[in-house]
Amino acid sequence: MVGNAKNAGKTTVLNALAASFPEAVLGLSSIGLDGEELDLVSQLPKPQVHVSVGTLVGIAEGCLAQSATRLEVLEKTGVMTAMGEVLIARATGAGACLLGGPSTVEGMEKVMRLLQAHGASRLFIDGAFARQSHAAVGEGLVYVVGAHKSPFLQTVVDSAALALRRLSLPAAPPSFAFLWAQRRPGWLDAAGQFTPLGLDAAPIDLHDTLGCLPSQAAWLYLPGFVDKAQVTALVARRRELHVGLITRSPLSLVMEDASLKKLFRLDLPIQVLKPARVAFVALNPVSPGAHQFDAAAFQAAMAAVTDLPLINVLED
């Protein structure tokens, strides 16, 4: 679950999804902390994560005493967080759970493997707005569009359309799969031959790099995050750009809407090693403690910008 803002409604979607598979053994975890009564930043009320008997969770040790449900610890993972080591536990009673999990991609990958090893047949990760790149761990993605993003409906819809365009970036050719093992930025010619830039994946001066790319360069590969600074460099060199861009995932594009708009206006070919598979878009027309949109108008406005299924989990 990835949201368009904090308090978008990800936990509500998680609870609805969990309730939709009563016969499955579920494995749940969260990027960071989720399920607390108040959001630690906004102090707005938050829905609790509800677990049923037999549900498996990847949960930080410090969350055990704060969870209303009874949990049996099955295994220690060695994955450390600010709230202690992440444990694999099974719910022996139904109830609310304070779900705090790994804060790194590597940690989440390990926790997911262990949840499966203990019998989980479906895995759900409650994401974090500030760390959307972690969603690349999953095989599918639910994008939650909440009214809390802005009091103006069209602003929320326009931002969501931009995000969904990012999430729909196409896959690079299978012949480029070798780039997963390549930690250094570099360029590829039309035949897919890779030439590295620099010694490691540390931030590079993209403005100077673009000016030095040879004429045979067809693609620029950036294994880390692509952020506002790199978009600024691309815009500054826009008249001489002759390469496409390859990143690991659509979620490697980490920037605010204004920079993402500029990137797309360049009309560069952009491909990713691991495309996002958006299962559906969840709509939350209510901003906690603030405003709400007309649900039908919200649905109609979103339907005009995407062909993906649109679901209000509290009504549909």
Protein backbone atom coordinates (compact mmCIF):
# COMPACT_ATOMS: atom_id res chain seq x y z
CA MET A 1 0.00 0.00 0.00
CA VAL A 2 1.41 3.35 -1.11
CA GLY A 3 -0.37 6.61 -0.37
CA ASN A 4 -0.45 10.01 -2.05
CA ALA A 5 0.05 11.72 1.33
CA LYS A 6 0.27 10.99 5.03
CA ASN A 7 -3.12 9.90 6.39
CA ALA A 8 -4.22 8.89 2.90
CA GLY A 9 -5.98 5.79 4.22
CA LYS A 10 -3.43 3.00 3.69
CA THR A 11 -4.19 1.23 6.96
CA THR A 12 -7.92 1.24 6.19
CA VAL A 13 -7.12 -0.41 2.86
CA LEU A 14 -4.88 -2.95 4.59
CA ASN A 15 -7.68 -3.89 6.98
CA ALA A 16 -10.16 -4.22 4.12
CA LEU A 17 -7.80 -6.42 2.12
CA ALA A 18 -7.08 -8.63 5.12
CA ALA A 19 -10.81 -9.09 5.72
CA SER A 20 -11.25 -10.12 2.07
CA PHE A 21 -9.20 -13.30 2.53
CA PRO A 22 -10.68 -15.01 5.60
CA GLU A 23 -9.39 -18.45 4.58
CA ALA A 24 -5.81 -17.39 3.83
CA VAL A 25 -2.88 -17.30 6.22
CA LEU A 26 -1.89 -13.66 6.04
CA GLY A 27 1.54 -12.19 6.64
CA LEU A 28 1.53 -8.50 7.56
CA SER A 29 4.25 -5.97 8.15
CA SER A 30 4.77 -2.25 7.89
CA ILE A 31 7.44 0.14 6.68
CA GLY A 32 8.30 1.73 10.00
CA LEU A 33 5.47 2.21 12.50
CA ASP A 34 1.77 1.79 11.77
CA GLY A 35 -1.35 1.10 13.78
CA GLU A 36 -0.75 3.77 16.44
CA GLU A 37 -3.82 5.64 17.69
CA LEU A 38 -2.45 9.03 16.64
CA ASP A 39 -0.19 9.78 13.71
CA LEU A 40 3.16 10.66 15.26
CA VAL A 41 3.61 13.66 12.93
CA SER A 42 0.12 15.09 12.40
CA GLN A 43 -1.40 13.85 15.70
CA LEU A 44 -4.56 12.90 13.78
CA PRO A 45 -6.52 9.79 14.80
CA LYS A 46 -5.43 6.68 12.90
CA PRO A 47 -7.21 3.36 12.34
CA GLN A 48 -5.73 0.36 14.10
CA VAL A 49 -4.33 -2.62 12.20
CA HIS A 50 -6.72 -5.49 12.98
CA VAL A 51 -5.44 -9.06 12.95
CA SER A 52 -7.35 -12.31 13.22
CA VAL A 53 -6.31 -15.57 14.87
CA GLY A 54 -3.51 -17.21 12.90
CA THR A 55 -2.31 -14.04 11.17
CA LEU A 56 1.47 -13.78 10.97
CA VAL A 57 3.18 -10.44 11.53
CA GLY A 58 6.66 -9.01 11.17
CA ILE A 59 6.65 -6.75 14.21
CA ALA A 60 9.23 -4.76 16.13
CA GLU A 61 9.80 -6.03 19.67
CA GLY A 62 8.82 -2.68 21.18
CA CYS A 63 5.35 -2.97 19.67
CA LEU A 64 4.42 -6.20 21.46
CA ALA A 65 3.39 -4.62 24.76
CA GLN A 66 1.41 -1.91 22.95
CA SER A 67 -0.67 -4.36 20.89
CA ALA A 68 -4.08 -5.39 22.19
CA THR A 69 -4.00 -8.77 20.48
CA ARG A 70 -2.09 -11.77 21.85
CA LEU A 71 1.01 -12.66 19.85
CA GLU A 72 3.21 -15.77 19.97
CA VAL A 73 6.80 -15.06 18.95
CA LEU A 74 8.04 -17.64 16.45
CA GLU A 75 11.43 -16.32 15.36
CA LYS A 76 13.85 -13.45 15.70
CA THR A 77 14.90 -11.94 12.37
CA GLY A 78 18.07 -10.05 13.23
CA VAL A 79 16.53 -6.98 11.56
CA MET A 80 16.89 -4.03 13.91
CA THR A 81 14.69 -0.92 14.12
CA ALA A 82 14.35 2.05 16.47
CA MET A 83 11.72 -0.02 18.33
CA GLY A 84 13.90 -3.09 18.66
CA GLU A 85 14.44 -6.26 16.69
CA VAL A 86 11.77 -7.33 14.22
CA LEU A 87 10.14 -10.58 15.27
CA ILE A 88 8.00 -13.07 13.40
CA ALA A 89 4.88 -13.67 15.49
CA ARG A 90 1.51 -15.38 15.16
CA ALA A 91 -1.71 -13.90 16.52
CA THR A 92 -3.34 -16.28 19.02
CA GLY A 93 -6.22 -13.87 19.51
CA ALA A 94 -8.01 -11.31 17.36
CA GLY A 95 -7.54 -7.62 18.00
CA ALA A 96 -5.69 -4.42 17.27
CA CYS A 97 -1.96 -4.54 16.58
CA LEU A 98 0.67 -1.82 16.64
CA LEU A 99 2.51 -2.85 13.50
CA GLY A 100 6.08 -1.58 13.40
CA GLY A 101 8.39 -3.24 10.90
CA PRO A 102 11.65 -2.88 8.99
CA SER A 103 12.79 0.52 7.79
CA THR A 104 15.03 -0.77 4.98
CA VAL A 105 14.34 -2.63 1.74
CA GLU A 106 16.76 -5.40 2.69
CA GLY A 107 15.10 -5.80 6.08
CA MET A 108 11.63 -6.00 4.56
CA GLU A 109 12.77 -8.57 1.99
CA LYS A 110 14.08 -10.78 4.80
CA VAL A 111 10.91 -10.40 6.86
CA MET A 112 8.75 -11.28 3.85
CA ARG A 113 10.78 -14.45 3.24
CA LEU A 114 10.43 -15.52 6.87
CA LEU A 115 6.68 -14.85 6.94
CA GLN A 116 6.34 -17.13 3.92
CA ALA A 117 8.54 -19.76 5.53
CA HIS A 118 6.16 -19.83 8.51
CA GLY A 119 3.18 -20.43 6.24
CA ALA A 120 1.90 -17.05 5.06
CA SER A 121 0.15 -17.45 1.70
CA ARG A 122 -0.58 -13.75 1.16
CA LEU A 123 1.69 -10.91 2.17
CA PHE A 124 0.62 -7.30 2.70
CA ILE A 125 2.96 -4.40 3.43
CA ASP A 126 1.61 -1.17 4.87
CA GLY A 127 3.79 1.46 3.26
CA ALA A 128 5.10 4.83 4.36
CA PHE A 129 4.54 8.01 2.38
CA ALA A 130 8.10 9.24 2.98
CA ARG A 131 9.66 5.93 1.89
CA GLN A 132 7.72 4.86 -1.20
CA SER A 133 10.79 3.24 -2.73
CA HIS A 134 10.31 0.35 -0.28
CA ALA A 135 7.21 -0.66 -2.23
CA ALA A 136 9.53 -2.14 -4.86
CA VAL A 137 9.82 -5.13 -2.51
CA GLY A 138 6.28 -6.18 -3.38
CA GLU A 139 4.95 -7.99 -6.43
CA GLY A 140 1.96 -5.67 -6.68
CA LEU A 141 0.93 -2.26 -5.45
CA VAL A 142 -2.23 -0.54 -4.29
CA TYR A 143 -2.11 3.22 -4.76
CA VAL A 144 -4.22 5.03 -2.16
CA VAL A 145 -5.47 8.46 -3.19
CA GLY A 146 -6.68 10.33 -0.12
CA ALA A 147 -8.40 13.69 0.18
CA HIS A 148 -5.86 14.68 2.86
CA LYS A 149 -3.43 15.64 0.07
CA SER A 150 -5.30 18.91 -0.56
CA PRO A 151 -8.67 20.52 0.11
CA PHE A 152 -9.01 21.00 -3.66
CA LEU A 153 -10.31 17.94 -5.50
CA GLN A 154 -8.64 18.77 -8.81
CA THR A 155 -5.27 19.22 -7.12
CA VAL A 156 -5.57 15.72 -5.63
CA VAL A 157 -6.64 14.24 -8.97
CA ASP A 158 -3.88 15.97 -10.97
CA SER A 159 -1.24 14.81 -8.49
CA ALA A 160 -2.59 11.25 -8.61
CA ALA A 161 -2.53 11.26 -12.42
CA LEU A 162 1.12 12.27 -12.32
CA ALA A 163 1.96 9.56 -9.79
CA LEU A 164 0.14 6.91 -11.80
CA ARG A 165 2.05 7.96 -14.91
CA ARG A 166 5.26 7.37 -12.96
CA LEU A 167 4.01 4.00 -11.73
CA SER A 168 3.19 2.92 -15.30
CA LEU A 169 6.71 3.42 -16.69
CA PRO A 170 7.55 0.52 -19.03
CA ALA A 171 10.03 -2.28 -18.49
CA ALA A 172 13.51 -2.15 -19.94
CA PRO A 173 14.35 -4.98 -22.37
CA PRO A 174 15.19 -8.33 -20.71
CA SER A 175 18.70 -8.01 -22.12
CA PHE A 176 19.25 -5.12 -19.67
CA ALA A 177 18.64 -7.34 -16.62
CA PHE A 178 22.41 -7.46 -16.00
CA LEU A 179 22.11 -3.89 -14.73
CA TRP A 180 20.68 -5.19 -11.42
CA ALA A 181 24.22 -6.21 -10.47
CA GLN A 182 25.66 -2.90 -11.63
CA ARG A 183 25.92 -0.40 -8.79
CA ARG A 184 27.62 2.30 -10.83
CA PRO A 185 25.87 4.84 -13.04
CA GLY A 186 26.76 4.52 -16.68
CA TRP A 187 25.63 4.69 -20.27
CA LEU A 188 24.62 2.05 -22.78
CA ASP A 189 24.94 2.13 -26.55
CA ALA A 190 22.24 0.92 -28.93
CA ALA A 191 23.55 -2.66 -28.65
CA GLY A 192 23.28 -2.61 -24.84
CA GLN A 193 27.01 -2.38 -24.13
CA PHE A 194 27.48 -0.75 -20.70
CA THR A 195 30.18 1.79 -19.83
CA PRO A 196 30.35 2.90 -16.18
CA LEU A 197 30.67 6.49 -14.98
CA GLY A 198 32.77 7.02 -11.88
CA LEU A 199 33.75 4.47 -9.26
CA ASP A 200 30.54 3.79 -7.34
CA ALA A 201 26.87 4.68 -7.05
CA ALA A 202 27.52 7.90 -5.13
CA PRO A 203 25.76 11.00 -6.47
CA ILE A 204 27.34 12.21 -9.68
CA ASP A 205 27.37 15.67 -11.20
CA LEU A 206 24.76 14.87 -13.81
CA HIS A 207 25.04 18.27 -15.49
CA ASP A 208 28.71 17.68 -16.36
CA THR A 209 28.08 13.99 -17.11
CA LEU A 210 25.43 14.77 -19.71
CA GLY A 211 27.81 17.12 -21.46
CA CYS A 212 30.43 14.37 -21.73
CA LEU A 213 28.29 11.51 -23.00
CA PRO A 214 29.52 10.23 -26.36
CA SER A 215 27.33 10.33 -29.43
CA GLN A 216 26.87 6.54 -29.35
CA ALA A 217 25.23 6.68 -25.89
CA ALA A 218 21.58 5.63 -26.20
CA TRP A 219 20.67 5.23 -22.52
CA LEU A 220 21.78 6.67 -19.19
CA TYR A 221 21.52 4.24 -16.28
CA LEU A 222 21.10 5.65 -12.76
CA PRO A 223 21.00 2.87 -10.12
CA GLY A 224 20.11 5.16 -7.21
CA PHE A 225 17.37 7.70 -6.70
CA VAL A 226 16.54 10.25 -9.37
CA ASP A 227 15.70 13.44 -7.52
CA LYS A 228 15.05 17.15 -8.06
CA ALA A 229 18.73 17.98 -8.56
CA GLN A 230 19.09 15.44 -11.35
CA VAL A 231 15.92 16.65 -13.05
CA THR A 232 17.30 20.19 -12.89
CA ALA A 233 20.43 18.99 -14.69
CA LEU A 234 18.37 17.20 -17.34
CA VAL A 235 16.31 20.33 -17.93
CA ALA A 236 19.44 22.49 -18.20
CA ARG A 237 20.86 20.10 -20.85
CA ARG A 238 17.53 19.51 -22.61
CA ARG A 239 18.64 20.95 -25.99
CA GLU A 240 21.48 18.45 -26.29
CA LEU A 241 19.87 15.37 -24.72
CA HIS A 242 20.04 12.33 -26.96
CA VAL A 243 19.67 9.53 -24.40
CA GLY A 244 16.86 7.78 -22.61
CA LEU A 245 16.83 7.11 -18.87
CA ILE A 246 16.86 3.73 -17.11
CA THR A 247 16.23 3.34 -13.36
CA ARG A 248 15.66 0.32 -11.16
CA SER A 249 12.00 1.07 -10.42
CA PRO A 250 9.39 3.79 -10.97
CA LEU A 251 9.72 4.36 -7.24
CA SER A 252 13.35 5.39 -7.82
CA LEU A 253 11.95 8.70 -9.06
CA VAL A 254 11.88 10.53 -5.74
CA MET A 255 10.76 14.11 -6.15
CA GLU A 256 7.84 16.46 -5.66
CA ASP A 257 5.17 16.93 -8.32
CA ALA A 258 6.74 20.04 -9.84
CA SER A 259 9.99 18.24 -10.69
CA LEU A 260 8.15 15.16 -11.94
CA LYS A 261 6.17 17.38 -14.32
CA LYS A 262 9.40 18.86 -15.65
CA LEU A 263 10.87 15.40 -16.16
CA PHE A 264 7.88 14.22 -18.17
CA ARG A 265 7.82 17.43 -20.23
CA LEU A 266 11.30 16.54 -21.50
CA ASP A 267 9.60 13.65 -23.30
CA LEU A 268 12.60 11.37 -22.70
CA PRO A 269 12.18 7.61 -23.01
CA ILE A 270 12.20 6.32 -19.42
CA GLN A 271 12.35 2.60 -18.67
CA VAL A 272 12.68 0.62 -15.44
CA LEU A 273 14.21 -2.72 -14.52
CA LYS A 274 11.23 -3.65 -12.34
CA PRO A 275 7.89 -2.15 -13.41
CA ALA A 276 5.21 -1.48 -10.85
CA ARG A 277 2.07 -3.61 -11.04
CA VAL A 278 -0.76 -1.46 -9.73
CA ALA A 279 -3.63 -3.76 -8.76
CA PHE A 280 -6.10 -0.97 -8.14
CA VAL A 281 -6.45 2.60 -6.94
CA ALA A 282 -8.10 3.00 -3.55
CA LEU A 283 -10.05 6.23 -3.08
CA ASN A 284 -10.52 7.92 0.28
CA PRO A 285 -12.70 11.04 -0.09
CA VAL A 286 -12.39 11.93 3.61
CA SER A 287 -9.50 13.84 5.15
CA PRO A 288 -9.32 13.03 8.88
CA GLY A 289 -10.15 16.07 10.95
CA ALA A 290 -10.44 18.34 7.93
CA HIS A 291 -12.51 18.18 4.73
CA GLN A 292 -14.14 15.63 2.48
CA PHE A 293 -15.06 15.33 -1.20
CA ASP A 294 -18.27 14.13 -2.73
CA ALA A 295 -17.49 10.45 -3.27
CA ALA A 296 -19.20 10.24 -6.67
CA ALA A 297 -17.49 13.38 -7.97
CA PHE A 298 -14.13 12.11 -6.72
CA GLN A 299 -14.63 8.77 -8.46
CA ALA A 300 -15.67 10.44 -11.71
CA ALA A 301 -12.69 12.79 -11.69
CA MET A 302 -10.27 9.92 -11.10
CA ALA A 303 -11.92 7.80 -13.79
CA ALA A 304 -11.06 10.57 -16.26
CA VAL A 305 -7.32 10.15 -15.61
CA THR A 306 -6.88 6.39 -15.22
CA ASP A 307 -8.29 3.13 -16.53
CA LEU A 308 -7.26 1.25 -13.38
CA PRO A 309 -10.00 -0.10 -11.09
CA LEU A 310 -11.13 2.53 -8.58
CA ILE A 311 -12.31 1.23 -5.21
CA ASN A 312 -13.57 3.00 -2.10
CA VAL A 313 -12.94 0.18 0.37
CA LEU A 314 -15.47 1.56 2.88
CA GLU A 315 -18.30 1.55 0.34
CA ASP A 316 -17.51 -0.84 -2.54
